Amino acid sequence: MAGSRANVKHLRREQLIEATMKTIARFGYARTTMAHVAQAAGLSQGIVNFYFKTKEALLYETFVHLAQEYEALLERALERAGSDPVAGLVAMIETDLGREVCTPTKIPVWLAFWAESRCRPKYRDLYRKLTEQYSRQVHDLCGKLAAQRGYEGLDLEMISIGFVALIDGFWVSIGIAPDAVGREKARKACHAYFAGFFPAEFTPMLAPTVGEENRRAG
């Protein structure tokens, strides 16, 4: 019985967090209210207040959930890539620009939390942790690739910093003007970026046909 109650509690919190993300994507961070979240979840505001005593607690928990979900997706992608560093870097690109992460709901939510990180230490610390871990993963994969294929004189720190900035920039562009960039163009640009350092492993991607681009974007 206790296990059943715990499961219901977990599912309810997940439901409210999903509703919070939809609300932020629709109204923005500052205009999101507990009433908006309750409406999006199809629940009473009293239930929202039962699980999250304050709006700040709900918003921070939503950011933590989003970060943990992303870390889990990336970890699984890297596990599937195995020991091949090229496959690992491609897995990172595909995760960042894939359908589970790069969505019309989640990207605006990421941007909203990034904006708040400037004046909210808890948000800033979480964002810094994510960025440092991601940059380290890129650094390690590039280092492994360089050692295996005989590339010398590469500044691995600058490569990893540059790639983090590239992905962040695409998320901003996709979140603000998705028709101007799109995930497929972003993929091609990421491959072109790594081709500048590892030309034998990252040849430029062919431009997709209209049908292929629409299929991937769908």
N, C-alpha and C. Protein backbone atom coordinates (compact mmCIF):
# COMPACT_ATOMS: atom_id res chain seq x y z
N MET A 1 0.83 -1.21 0.00
CA MET A 1 0.00 0.00 0.00
C MET A 1 0.86 1.26 0.00
N ALA A 2 1.91 1.23 0.84
CA ALA A 2 2.80 2.39 0.91
C ALA A 2 3.50 2.60 -0.43
N GLY A 3 3.88 1.48 -1.09
CA GLY A 3 4.52 1.59 -2.39
C GLY A 3 3.60 2.20 -3.41
N SER A 4 2.33 1.85 -3.34
CA SER A 4 1.34 2.40 -4.28
C SER A 4 1.18 3.89 -4.08
N ARG A 5 1.13 4.34 -2.83
CA ARG A 5 1.02 5.78 -2.54
C ARG A 5 2.25 6.53 -3.04
N ALA A 6 3.42 5.93 -2.85
CA ALA A 6 4.66 6.57 -3.31
C ALA A 6 4.66 6.69 -4.82
N ASN A 7 4.14 5.67 -5.50
CA ASN A 7 4.09 5.71 -6.96
C ASN A 7 3.14 6.79 -7.45
N VAL A 8 2.00 6.90 -6.78
CA VAL A 8 1.02 7.94 -7.14
C VAL A 8 1.63 9.32 -6.92
N LYS A 9 2.35 9.49 -5.82
CA LYS A 9 2.99 10.77 -5.54
C LYS A 9 4.01 11.12 -6.61
N HIS A 10 4.81 10.12 -7.01
CA HIS A 10 5.82 10.34 -8.05
C HIS A 10 5.16 10.74 -9.37
N LEU A 11 4.12 10.02 -9.76
CA LEU A 11 3.43 10.30 -11.01
C LEU A 11 2.79 11.69 -11.00
N ARG A 12 2.25 12.06 -9.84
CA ARG A 12 1.61 13.38 -9.73
C ARG A 12 2.64 14.49 -9.87
N ARG A 13 3.79 14.32 -9.24
CA ARG A 13 4.85 15.33 -9.36
C ARG A 13 5.32 15.43 -10.81
N GLU A 14 5.46 14.27 -11.47
CA GLU A 14 5.85 14.28 -12.88
C GLU A 14 4.81 15.02 -13.72
N GLN A 15 3.55 14.78 -13.43
CA GLN A 15 2.47 15.44 -14.16
C GLN A 15 2.55 16.95 -13.99
N LEU A 16 2.82 17.40 -12.78
CA LEU A 16 2.89 18.83 -12.50
C LEU A 16 4.13 19.46 -13.14
N ILE A 17 5.22 18.74 -13.16
CA ILE A 17 6.43 19.26 -13.80
C ILE A 17 6.23 19.39 -15.30
N GLU A 18 5.60 18.39 -15.92
CA GLU A 18 5.30 18.47 -17.35
C GLU A 18 4.39 19.66 -17.64
N ALA A 19 3.41 19.87 -16.78
CA ALA A 19 2.50 21.00 -16.95
C ALA A 19 3.23 22.32 -16.78
N THR A 20 4.21 22.35 -15.88
CA THR A 20 5.00 23.57 -15.67
C THR A 20 5.81 23.90 -16.91
N MET A 21 6.40 22.89 -17.54
CA MET A 21 7.17 23.14 -18.75
C MET A 21 6.28 23.69 -19.86
N LYS A 22 5.10 23.12 -20.01
CA LYS A 22 4.16 23.61 -21.03
C LYS A 22 3.76 25.06 -20.74
N THR A 23 3.59 25.36 -19.46
CA THR A 23 3.18 26.71 -19.06
C THR A 23 4.29 27.72 -19.32
N ILE A 24 5.53 27.35 -18.97
CA ILE A 24 6.65 28.26 -19.22
C ILE A 24 6.81 28.50 -20.72
N ALA A 25 6.68 27.43 -21.50
CA ALA A 25 6.82 27.56 -22.96
C ALA A 25 5.74 28.47 -23.53
N ARG A 26 4.57 28.48 -22.91
CA ARG A 26 3.46 29.29 -23.41
C ARG A 26 3.50 30.73 -22.91
N PHE A 27 3.72 30.90 -21.58
CA PHE A 27 3.61 32.22 -20.97
C PHE A 27 4.95 32.88 -20.64
N GLY A 28 6.02 32.09 -20.59
CA GLY A 28 7.29 32.61 -20.13
C GLY A 28 7.48 32.37 -18.64
N TYR A 29 8.71 32.53 -18.18
CA TYR A 29 9.03 32.24 -16.78
C TYR A 29 8.29 33.17 -15.82
N ALA A 30 8.39 34.47 -16.03
CA ALA A 30 7.86 35.44 -15.07
C ALA A 30 6.34 35.37 -14.97
N ARG A 31 5.67 35.06 -16.06
CA ARG A 31 4.21 35.07 -16.07
C ARG A 31 3.59 33.73 -15.68
N THR A 32 4.42 32.73 -15.46
CA THR A 32 3.90 31.44 -15.03
C THR A 32 3.39 31.53 -13.59
N THR A 33 2.20 31.01 -13.36
CA THR A 33 1.60 31.00 -12.02
C THR A 33 1.18 29.59 -11.66
N MET A 34 0.94 29.38 -10.38
CA MET A 34 0.46 28.08 -9.92
C MET A 34 -0.90 27.77 -10.55
N ALA A 35 -1.71 28.80 -10.77
CA ALA A 35 -3.02 28.60 -11.39
C ALA A 35 -2.86 28.12 -12.83
N HIS A 36 -1.89 28.71 -13.55
CA HIS A 36 -1.62 28.26 -14.92
C HIS A 36 -1.21 26.79 -14.94
N VAL A 37 -0.36 26.40 -14.01
CA VAL A 37 0.12 25.03 -13.96
C VAL A 37 -1.03 24.08 -13.65
N ALA A 38 -1.86 24.46 -12.69
CA ALA A 38 -3.01 23.63 -12.34
C ALA A 38 -3.92 23.43 -13.54
N GLN A 39 -4.15 24.50 -14.28
CA GLN A 39 -5.00 24.41 -15.46
C GLN A 39 -4.38 23.51 -16.53
N ALA A 40 -3.08 23.65 -16.74
CA ALA A 40 -2.40 22.83 -17.74
C ALA A 40 -2.41 21.36 -17.36
N ALA A 41 -2.36 21.08 -16.05
CA ALA A 41 -2.35 19.70 -15.56
C ALA A 41 -3.75 19.13 -15.42
N GLY A 42 -4.77 19.99 -15.50
CA GLY A 42 -6.14 19.53 -15.30
C GLY A 42 -6.43 19.18 -13.85
N LEU A 43 -5.77 19.90 -12.93
CA LEU A 43 -5.92 19.65 -11.50
C LEU A 43 -6.31 20.93 -10.77
N SER A 44 -6.68 20.80 -9.53
CA SER A 44 -6.99 21.98 -8.73
C SER A 44 -5.70 22.64 -8.26
N GLN A 45 -5.78 23.93 -7.97
CA GLN A 45 -4.58 24.62 -7.48
C GLN A 45 -4.19 24.09 -6.10
N GLY A 46 -5.18 23.59 -5.36
CA GLY A 46 -4.88 23.01 -4.05
C GLY A 46 -3.95 21.82 -4.15
N ILE A 47 -4.13 21.00 -5.19
CA ILE A 47 -3.25 19.84 -5.38
C ILE A 47 -1.84 20.30 -5.72
N VAL A 48 -1.74 21.34 -6.55
CA VAL A 48 -0.42 21.88 -6.89
C VAL A 48 0.28 22.35 -5.62
N ASN A 49 -0.45 23.09 -4.78
CA ASN A 49 0.13 23.61 -3.55
C ASN A 49 0.48 22.49 -2.56
N PHE A 50 -0.23 21.38 -2.65
CA PHE A 50 0.06 20.25 -1.76
C PHE A 50 1.44 19.66 -2.08
N TYR A 51 1.74 19.54 -3.35
CA TYR A 51 3.01 18.94 -3.76
C TYR A 51 4.16 19.94 -3.81
N PHE A 52 3.84 21.18 -4.10
CA PHE A 52 4.88 22.22 -4.17
C PHE A 52 4.36 23.45 -3.42
N LYS A 53 5.00 23.75 -2.30
CA LYS A 53 4.48 24.79 -1.42
C LYS A 53 4.58 26.18 -2.04
N THR A 54 5.57 26.39 -2.90
CA THR A 54 5.77 27.71 -3.51
C THR A 54 6.02 27.56 -5.01
N LYS A 55 5.78 28.63 -5.70
CA LYS A 55 6.09 28.66 -7.14
C LYS A 55 7.58 28.44 -7.36
N GLU A 56 8.41 29.04 -6.54
CA GLU A 56 9.86 28.90 -6.69
C GLU A 56 10.29 27.44 -6.56
N ALA A 57 9.69 26.73 -5.60
CA ALA A 57 10.02 25.32 -5.42
C ALA A 57 9.62 24.50 -6.65
N LEU A 58 8.48 24.80 -7.20
CA LEU A 58 8.01 24.09 -8.40
C LEU A 58 8.91 24.38 -9.60
N LEU A 59 9.29 25.62 -9.77
CA LEU A 59 10.13 25.99 -10.91
C LEU A 59 11.52 25.38 -10.79
N TYR A 60 12.10 25.42 -9.62
CA TYR A 60 13.44 24.84 -9.45
C TYR A 60 13.40 23.33 -9.66
N GLU A 61 12.37 22.68 -9.12
CA GLU A 61 12.24 21.24 -9.31
C GLU A 61 12.07 20.89 -10.78
N THR A 62 11.42 21.75 -11.52
CA THR A 62 11.26 21.55 -12.95
C THR A 62 12.61 21.64 -13.65
N PHE A 63 13.43 22.59 -13.27
CA PHE A 63 14.76 22.72 -13.85
C PHE A 63 15.61 21.49 -13.53
N VAL A 64 15.55 21.03 -12.29
CA VAL A 64 16.30 19.83 -11.89
C VAL A 64 15.84 18.63 -12.70
N HIS A 65 14.53 18.48 -12.84
CA HIS A 65 13.98 17.37 -13.63
C HIS A 65 14.46 17.42 -15.07
N LEU A 66 14.41 18.60 -15.67
CA LEU A 66 14.84 18.77 -17.05
C LEU A 66 16.31 18.41 -17.21
N ALA A 67 17.13 18.85 -16.26
CA ALA A 67 18.56 18.57 -16.30
C ALA A 67 18.84 17.08 -16.14
N GLN A 68 18.16 16.44 -15.20
CA GLN A 68 18.38 15.01 -14.96
C GLN A 68 17.90 14.18 -16.15
N GLU A 69 16.80 14.57 -16.74
CA GLU A 69 16.30 13.87 -17.92
C GLU A 69 17.30 13.96 -19.06
N TYR A 70 17.85 15.15 -19.25
CA TYR A 70 18.84 15.35 -20.30
C TYR A 70 20.09 14.52 -20.04
N GLU A 71 20.59 14.54 -18.82
CA GLU A 71 21.79 13.77 -18.48
C GLU A 71 21.58 12.28 -18.73
N ALA A 72 20.38 11.78 -18.40
CA ALA A 72 20.08 10.37 -18.60
C ALA A 72 20.03 10.02 -20.09
N LEU A 73 19.42 10.88 -20.89
CA LEU A 73 19.37 10.65 -22.33
C LEU A 73 20.76 10.64 -22.94
N LEU A 74 21.60 11.59 -22.52
CA LEU A 74 22.95 11.67 -23.06
C LEU A 74 23.78 10.46 -22.62
N GLU A 75 23.62 10.06 -21.38
CA GLU A 75 24.37 8.90 -20.88
C GLU A 75 24.01 7.65 -21.68
N ARG A 76 22.72 7.45 -21.95
CA ARG A 76 22.30 6.27 -22.71
C ARG A 76 22.84 6.33 -24.14
N ALA A 77 22.83 7.53 -24.73
CA ALA A 77 23.34 7.69 -26.09
C ALA A 77 24.83 7.36 -26.16
N LEU A 78 25.58 7.81 -25.17
CA LEU A 78 27.01 7.54 -25.15
C LEU A 78 27.30 6.05 -24.88
N GLU A 79 26.47 5.42 -24.08
CA GLU A 79 26.63 3.98 -23.85
C GLU A 79 26.40 3.21 -25.13
N ARG A 80 25.39 3.61 -25.90
CA ARG A 80 25.12 2.94 -27.18
C ARG A 80 26.27 3.15 -28.17
N ALA A 81 26.93 4.31 -28.07
CA ALA A 81 28.04 4.61 -28.99
C ALA A 81 29.24 3.73 -28.71
N GLY A 82 29.34 3.20 -27.51
CA GLY A 82 30.44 2.32 -27.16
C GLY A 82 31.77 3.05 -27.05
N SER A 83 32.84 2.40 -27.46
CA SER A 83 34.19 2.94 -27.26
C SER A 83 34.67 3.81 -28.42
N ASP A 84 33.89 3.93 -29.49
CA ASP A 84 34.29 4.71 -30.65
C ASP A 84 34.07 6.21 -30.38
N PRO A 85 35.13 7.01 -30.32
CA PRO A 85 34.95 8.43 -30.00
C PRO A 85 34.17 9.20 -31.07
N VAL A 86 34.29 8.79 -32.33
CA VAL A 86 33.51 9.46 -33.38
C VAL A 86 32.02 9.21 -33.14
N ALA A 87 31.67 7.94 -32.87
CA ALA A 87 30.28 7.62 -32.58
C ALA A 87 29.80 8.37 -31.34
N GLY A 88 30.70 8.56 -30.37
CA GLY A 88 30.33 9.31 -29.16
C GLY A 88 30.00 10.75 -29.46
N LEU A 89 30.83 11.41 -30.27
CA LEU A 89 30.58 12.82 -30.62
C LEU A 89 29.30 12.95 -31.45
N VAL A 90 29.08 12.01 -32.36
CA VAL A 90 27.84 12.02 -33.15
C VAL A 90 26.64 11.82 -32.24
N ALA A 91 26.78 10.95 -31.24
CA ALA A 91 25.70 10.70 -30.29
C ALA A 91 25.35 11.97 -29.52
N MET A 92 26.36 12.77 -29.20
CA MET A 92 26.10 14.02 -28.48
C MET A 92 25.34 15.00 -29.38
N ILE A 93 25.74 15.08 -30.65
CA ILE A 93 25.05 15.94 -31.59
C ILE A 93 23.59 15.51 -31.74
N GLU A 94 23.40 14.20 -31.93
CA GLU A 94 22.05 13.68 -32.16
C GLU A 94 21.17 13.84 -30.93
N THR A 95 21.74 13.72 -29.75
CA THR A 95 20.96 13.92 -28.52
C THR A 95 20.54 15.38 -28.40
N ASP A 96 21.49 16.29 -28.58
CA ASP A 96 21.20 17.71 -28.42
C ASP A 96 20.18 18.22 -29.43
N LEU A 97 20.17 17.63 -30.62
CA LEU A 97 19.29 18.11 -31.68
C LEU A 97 18.18 17.11 -32.01
N GLY A 98 18.03 16.11 -31.16
CA GLY A 98 17.04 15.07 -31.39
C GLY A 98 15.65 15.43 -30.88
N ARG A 99 14.71 14.54 -31.17
CA ARG A 99 13.31 14.81 -30.88
C ARG A 99 12.94 14.75 -29.41
N GLU A 100 13.78 14.13 -28.60
CA GLU A 100 13.46 14.07 -27.17
C GLU A 100 13.95 15.29 -26.40
N VAL A 101 14.90 16.02 -26.97
CA VAL A 101 15.48 17.19 -26.30
C VAL A 101 15.11 18.48 -27.00
N CYS A 102 15.32 18.51 -28.30
CA CYS A 102 15.13 19.75 -29.07
C CYS A 102 13.68 19.85 -29.53
N THR A 103 12.79 20.19 -28.59
CA THR A 103 11.36 20.23 -28.87
C THR A 103 10.81 21.65 -28.70
N PRO A 104 9.64 21.95 -29.29
CA PRO A 104 9.05 23.29 -29.15
C PRO A 104 8.71 23.65 -27.71
N THR A 105 8.59 22.65 -26.85
CA THR A 105 8.32 22.93 -25.43
C THR A 105 9.60 23.06 -24.64
N LYS A 106 10.51 22.10 -24.79
CA LYS A 106 11.68 22.06 -23.91
C LYS A 106 12.70 23.15 -24.20
N ILE A 107 12.92 23.48 -25.46
CA ILE A 107 13.93 24.51 -25.76
C ILE A 107 13.56 25.87 -25.14
N PRO A 108 12.31 26.35 -25.29
CA PRO A 108 11.97 27.61 -24.60
C PRO A 108 12.12 27.54 -23.09
N VAL A 109 11.90 26.36 -22.52
CA VAL A 109 12.06 26.20 -21.08
C VAL A 109 13.53 26.30 -20.69
N TRP A 110 14.40 25.63 -21.46
CA TRP A 110 15.84 25.77 -21.22
C TRP A 110 16.26 27.24 -21.29
N LEU A 111 15.80 27.93 -22.31
CA LEU A 111 16.18 29.34 -22.47
C LEU A 111 15.69 30.17 -21.30
N ALA A 112 14.49 29.87 -20.81
CA ALA A 112 13.94 30.62 -19.67
C ALA A 112 14.79 30.42 -18.43
N PHE A 113 15.19 29.19 -18.17
CA PHE A 113 16.01 28.91 -16.99
C PHE A 113 17.41 29.50 -17.14
N TRP A 114 17.98 29.45 -18.34
CA TRP A 114 19.28 30.07 -18.56
C TRP A 114 19.22 31.56 -18.23
N ALA A 115 18.16 32.22 -18.69
CA ALA A 115 18.02 33.65 -18.45
C ALA A 115 17.94 33.95 -16.95
N GLU A 116 17.24 33.09 -16.21
CA GLU A 116 17.11 33.29 -14.77
C GLU A 116 18.39 32.96 -14.01
N SER A 117 19.26 32.18 -14.63
CA SER A 117 20.50 31.77 -13.95
C SER A 117 21.39 32.95 -13.59
N ARG A 118 21.25 34.03 -14.33
CA ARG A 118 22.09 35.21 -14.09
C ARG A 118 21.87 35.77 -12.69
N CYS A 119 20.65 35.67 -12.17
CA CYS A 119 20.37 36.28 -10.86
C CYS A 119 19.90 35.27 -9.81
N ARG A 120 19.93 33.97 -10.15
CA ARG A 120 19.50 32.94 -9.20
C ARG A 120 20.65 31.94 -9.01
N PRO A 121 21.34 32.01 -7.88
CA PRO A 121 22.53 31.16 -7.66
C PRO A 121 22.26 29.67 -7.83
N LYS A 122 21.11 29.18 -7.37
CA LYS A 122 20.83 27.74 -7.49
C LYS A 122 20.75 27.33 -8.96
N TYR A 123 20.12 28.16 -9.76
CA TYR A 123 20.03 27.88 -11.19
C TYR A 123 21.42 27.94 -11.82
N ARG A 124 22.18 28.95 -11.43
CA ARG A 124 23.51 29.15 -12.00
C ARG A 124 24.42 27.96 -11.68
N ASP A 125 24.33 27.46 -10.46
CA ASP A 125 25.16 26.33 -10.06
C ASP A 125 24.79 25.08 -10.85
N LEU A 126 23.50 24.87 -11.06
CA LEU A 126 23.06 23.70 -11.81
C LEU A 126 23.49 23.81 -13.26
N TYR A 127 23.34 24.99 -13.84
CA TYR A 127 23.75 25.18 -15.23
C TYR A 127 25.27 25.01 -15.37
N ARG A 128 26.04 25.53 -14.43
CA ARG A 128 27.49 25.40 -14.48
C ARG A 128 27.90 23.92 -14.40
N LYS A 129 27.25 23.17 -13.53
CA LYS A 129 27.56 21.74 -13.40
C LYS A 129 27.30 21.01 -14.72
N LEU A 130 26.16 21.29 -15.33
CA LEU A 130 25.83 20.65 -16.60
C LEU A 130 26.85 21.01 -17.68
N THR A 131 27.19 22.29 -17.76
CA THR A 131 28.10 22.75 -18.79
C THR A 131 29.49 22.17 -18.61
N GLU A 132 29.97 22.14 -17.38
CA GLU A 132 31.30 21.60 -17.12
C GLU A 132 31.37 20.12 -17.44
N GLN A 133 30.34 19.38 -17.07
CA GLN A 133 30.32 17.95 -17.35
C GLN A 133 30.26 17.69 -18.86
N TYR A 134 29.44 18.45 -19.55
CA TYR A 134 29.30 18.29 -21.00
C TYR A 134 30.62 18.62 -21.70
N SER A 135 31.23 19.72 -21.32
CA SER A 135 32.49 20.14 -21.92
C SER A 135 33.57 19.09 -21.67
N ARG A 136 33.57 18.49 -20.50
CA ARG A 136 34.55 17.45 -20.18
C ARG A 136 34.34 16.22 -21.05
N GLN A 137 33.07 15.88 -21.30
CA GLN A 137 32.79 14.73 -22.16
C GLN A 137 33.28 14.96 -23.58
N VAL A 138 33.05 16.16 -24.11
CA VAL A 138 33.54 16.49 -25.45
C VAL A 138 35.06 16.46 -25.47
N HIS A 139 35.68 17.05 -24.46
CA HIS A 139 37.14 17.09 -24.34
C HIS A 139 37.71 15.68 -24.35
N ASP A 140 37.12 14.78 -23.56
CA ASP A 140 37.64 13.42 -23.46
C ASP A 140 37.48 12.66 -24.77
N LEU A 141 36.34 12.81 -25.43
CA LEU A 141 36.12 12.12 -26.70
C LEU A 141 37.07 12.63 -27.78
N CYS A 142 37.27 13.94 -27.82
CA CYS A 142 38.20 14.51 -28.80
C CYS A 142 39.63 14.08 -28.52
N GLY A 143 40.00 14.01 -27.24
CA GLY A 143 41.33 13.56 -26.87
C GLY A 143 41.56 12.11 -27.28
N LYS A 144 40.56 11.29 -27.06
CA LYS A 144 40.66 9.88 -27.43
C LYS A 144 40.77 9.74 -28.95
N LEU A 145 39.97 10.52 -29.68
CA LEU A 145 40.01 10.47 -31.14
C LEU A 145 41.37 10.93 -31.66
N ALA A 146 41.88 12.01 -31.11
CA ALA A 146 43.17 12.53 -31.55
C ALA A 146 44.29 11.51 -31.31
N ALA A 147 44.23 10.85 -30.16
CA ALA A 147 45.26 9.86 -29.85
C ALA A 147 45.17 8.65 -30.77
N GLN A 148 43.96 8.21 -31.07
CA GLN A 148 43.77 7.03 -31.92
C GLN A 148 44.18 7.29 -33.36
N ARG A 149 43.87 8.47 -33.87
CA ARG A 149 44.06 8.74 -35.30
C ARG A 149 45.29 9.60 -35.60
N GLY A 150 46.06 9.93 -34.58
CA GLY A 150 47.31 10.62 -34.81
C GLY A 150 47.21 12.11 -35.06
N TYR A 151 46.17 12.75 -34.58
CA TYR A 151 46.07 14.21 -34.70
C TYR A 151 46.89 14.85 -33.58
N GLU A 152 47.73 15.80 -33.96
CA GLU A 152 48.60 16.45 -32.97
C GLU A 152 48.38 17.96 -32.97
N GLY A 153 48.71 18.57 -31.84
CA GLY A 153 48.67 20.02 -31.73
C GLY A 153 47.28 20.61 -31.58
N LEU A 154 46.28 19.80 -31.27
CA LEU A 154 44.92 20.31 -31.11
C LEU A 154 44.72 20.86 -29.70
N ASP A 155 44.03 21.99 -29.60
CA ASP A 155 43.69 22.56 -28.30
C ASP A 155 42.33 21.99 -27.90
N LEU A 156 42.36 20.91 -27.15
CA LEU A 156 41.13 20.19 -26.82
C LEU A 156 40.18 21.03 -25.98
N GLU A 157 40.73 21.87 -25.13
CA GLU A 157 39.87 22.72 -24.30
C GLU A 157 39.10 23.71 -25.17
N MET A 158 39.78 24.31 -26.13
CA MET A 158 39.11 25.26 -27.01
C MET A 158 38.08 24.58 -27.91
N ILE A 159 38.38 23.35 -28.35
CA ILE A 159 37.42 22.61 -29.17
C ILE A 159 36.15 22.34 -28.37
N SER A 160 36.32 21.90 -27.12
CA SER A 160 35.14 21.58 -26.30
C SER A 160 34.35 22.84 -25.94
N ILE A 161 35.06 23.92 -25.60
CA ILE A 161 34.36 25.18 -25.30
C ILE A 161 33.61 25.68 -26.52
N GLY A 162 34.23 25.57 -27.68
CA GLY A 162 33.60 26.03 -28.91
C GLY A 162 32.36 25.22 -29.24
N PHE A 163 32.42 23.91 -29.01
CA PHE A 163 31.25 23.09 -29.33
C PHE A 163 30.10 23.37 -28.37
N VAL A 164 30.39 23.58 -27.10
CA VAL A 164 29.34 23.95 -26.14
C VAL A 164 28.66 25.23 -26.60
N ALA A 165 29.46 26.22 -26.99
CA ALA A 165 28.89 27.49 -27.45
C ALA A 165 28.08 27.30 -28.72
N LEU A 166 28.53 26.41 -29.60
CA LEU A 166 27.81 26.14 -30.85
C LEU A 166 26.43 25.55 -30.56
N ILE A 167 26.37 24.54 -29.70
CA ILE A 167 25.09 23.92 -29.36
C ILE A 167 24.17 24.91 -28.64
N ASP A 168 24.73 25.65 -27.68
CA ASP A 168 23.92 26.66 -26.99
C ASP A 168 23.35 27.67 -27.98
N GLY A 169 24.18 28.08 -28.92
CA GLY A 169 23.73 29.05 -29.92
C GLY A 169 22.62 28.51 -30.79
N PHE A 170 22.72 27.23 -31.17
CA PHE A 170 21.66 26.64 -31.98
C PHE A 170 20.37 26.50 -31.18
N TRP A 171 20.48 26.16 -29.92
CA TRP A 171 19.26 26.08 -29.10
C TRP A 171 18.58 27.45 -29.01
N VAL A 172 19.37 28.50 -28.85
CA VAL A 172 18.80 29.85 -28.82
C VAL A 172 18.13 30.17 -30.16
N SER A 173 18.82 29.89 -31.25
CA SER A 173 18.26 30.18 -32.57
C SER A 173 17.00 29.38 -32.84
N ILE A 174 17.02 28.09 -32.51
CA ILE A 174 15.85 27.24 -32.72
C ILE A 174 14.70 27.67 -31.83
N GLY A 175 15.02 28.09 -30.60
CA GLY A 175 13.97 28.53 -29.69
C GLY A 175 13.33 29.84 -30.11
N ILE A 176 14.10 30.73 -30.72
CA ILE A 176 13.59 32.05 -31.09
C ILE A 176 13.03 32.06 -32.51
N ALA A 177 13.77 31.45 -33.43
CA ALA A 177 13.36 31.47 -34.85
C ALA A 177 13.61 30.11 -35.48
N PRO A 178 12.80 29.10 -35.15
CA PRO A 178 13.04 27.74 -35.63
C PRO A 178 13.04 27.60 -37.14
N ASP A 179 12.29 28.42 -37.83
CA ASP A 179 12.24 28.33 -39.29
C ASP A 179 13.54 28.83 -39.94
N ALA A 180 14.28 29.65 -39.21
CA ALA A 180 15.50 30.23 -39.78
C ALA A 180 16.67 29.25 -39.74
N VAL A 181 16.67 28.34 -38.77
CA VAL A 181 17.79 27.41 -38.62
C VAL A 181 17.30 25.97 -38.81
N GLY A 182 16.62 25.46 -37.84
CA GLY A 182 16.13 24.09 -37.92
C GLY A 182 17.18 23.09 -37.49
N ARG A 183 16.71 21.92 -37.08
CA ARG A 183 17.62 20.91 -36.54
C ARG A 183 18.55 20.34 -37.60
N GLU A 184 18.07 20.21 -38.84
CA GLU A 184 18.91 19.60 -39.87
C GLU A 184 20.10 20.47 -40.23
N LYS A 185 19.87 21.77 -40.37
CA LYS A 185 20.99 22.68 -40.64
C LYS A 185 21.96 22.70 -39.46
N ALA A 186 21.42 22.62 -38.26
CA ALA A 186 22.27 22.60 -37.07
C ALA A 186 23.14 21.34 -37.05
N ARG A 187 22.56 20.20 -37.41
CA ARG A 187 23.34 18.96 -37.49
C ARG A 187 24.51 19.12 -38.46
N LYS A 188 24.21 19.63 -39.64
CA LYS A 188 25.24 19.80 -40.66
C LYS A 188 26.36 20.71 -40.15
N ALA A 189 25.98 21.78 -39.48
CA ALA A 189 26.98 22.72 -38.97
C ALA A 189 27.86 22.07 -37.90
N CYS A 190 27.27 21.23 -37.06
CA CYS A 190 28.05 20.54 -36.02
C CYS A 190 29.06 19.59 -36.65
N HIS A 191 28.64 18.86 -37.68
CA HIS A 191 29.57 17.96 -38.37
C HIS A 191 30.68 18.77 -39.05
N ALA A 192 30.30 19.91 -39.63
CA ALA A 192 31.31 20.76 -40.28
C ALA A 192 32.30 21.30 -39.25
N TYR A 193 31.82 21.60 -38.04
CA TYR A 193 32.70 22.09 -36.98
C TYR A 193 33.77 21.05 -36.65
N PHE A 194 33.35 19.81 -36.43
CA PHE A 194 34.33 18.78 -36.09
C PHE A 194 35.20 18.40 -37.28
N ALA A 195 34.65 18.57 -38.50
CA ALA A 195 35.45 18.28 -39.70
C ALA A 195 36.65 19.21 -39.79
N GLY A 196 36.55 20.40 -39.19
CA GLY A 196 37.67 21.32 -39.19
C GLY A 196 38.86 20.82 -38.39
N PHE A 197 38.60 19.92 -37.42
CA PHE A 197 39.67 19.36 -36.58
C PHE A 197 39.98 17.91 -36.94
N PHE A 198 38.94 17.18 -37.37
CA PHE A 198 39.09 15.76 -37.69
C PHE A 198 38.51 15.50 -39.09
N PRO A 199 39.22 15.97 -40.12
CA PRO A 199 38.66 15.92 -41.48
C PRO A 199 38.43 14.51 -42.02
N ALA A 200 39.19 13.55 -41.57
CA ALA A 200 39.02 12.18 -42.07
C ALA A 200 37.80 11.50 -41.46
N GLU A 201 37.39 11.96 -40.31
CA GLU A 201 36.28 11.31 -39.59
C GLU A 201 34.95 12.04 -39.75
N PHE A 202 35.01 13.35 -39.98
CA PHE A 202 33.78 14.14 -40.08
C PHE A 202 33.74 14.84 -41.44
N THR A 203 33.34 14.11 -42.46
CA THR A 203 33.15 14.73 -43.76
C THR A 203 31.85 15.52 -43.72
N PRO A 204 31.75 16.62 -44.47
CA PRO A 204 30.52 17.42 -44.47
C PRO A 204 29.31 16.57 -44.84
N MET A 205 28.21 16.78 -44.14
CA MET A 205 26.98 16.05 -44.41
C MET A 205 26.35 16.56 -45.70
N LEU A 206 25.77 15.64 -46.46
CA LEU A 206 25.05 16.04 -47.67
C LEU A 206 23.80 16.81 -47.29
N ALA A 207 23.43 17.79 -48.11
CA ALA A 207 22.20 18.52 -47.86
C ALA A 207 21.01 17.57 -48.00
N PRO A 208 20.08 17.55 -47.02
CA PRO A 208 18.95 16.64 -47.11
C PRO A 208 17.96 17.09 -48.18
N THR A 209 17.23 16.13 -48.72
CA THR A 209 16.14 16.49 -49.63
C THR A 209 15.04 17.14 -48.83
N VAL A 210 14.12 17.79 -49.51
CA VAL A 210 13.00 18.44 -48.81
C VAL A 210 12.20 17.42 -48.03
N GLY A 211 11.96 16.25 -48.65
CA GLY A 211 11.20 15.22 -47.97
C GLY A 211 11.89 14.71 -46.73
N GLU A 212 13.22 14.51 -46.83
CA GLU A 212 13.99 14.04 -45.69
C GLU A 212 14.01 15.06 -44.58
N GLU A 213 14.16 16.34 -44.93
CA GLU A 213 14.18 17.40 -43.92
C GLU A 213 12.85 17.47 -43.19
N ASN A 214 11.76 17.36 -43.93
CA ASN A 214 10.44 17.41 -43.32
C ASN A 214 10.21 16.20 -42.42
N ARG A 215 10.72 15.02 -42.86
CA ARG A 215 10.53 13.82 -42.06
C ARG A 215 11.26 13.93 -40.73
N ARG A 216 12.50 14.43 -40.78
CA ARG A 216 13.27 14.57 -39.53
C ARG A 216 12.69 15.61 -38.60
N ALA A 217 12.16 16.68 -39.20
CA ALA A 217 11.62 17.78 -38.39
C ALA A 217 10.30 17.42 -37.77
N GLY A 218 9.63 16.42 -38.29
CA GLY A 218 8.29 16.07 -37.84
C GLY A 218 8.25 15.44 -36.46
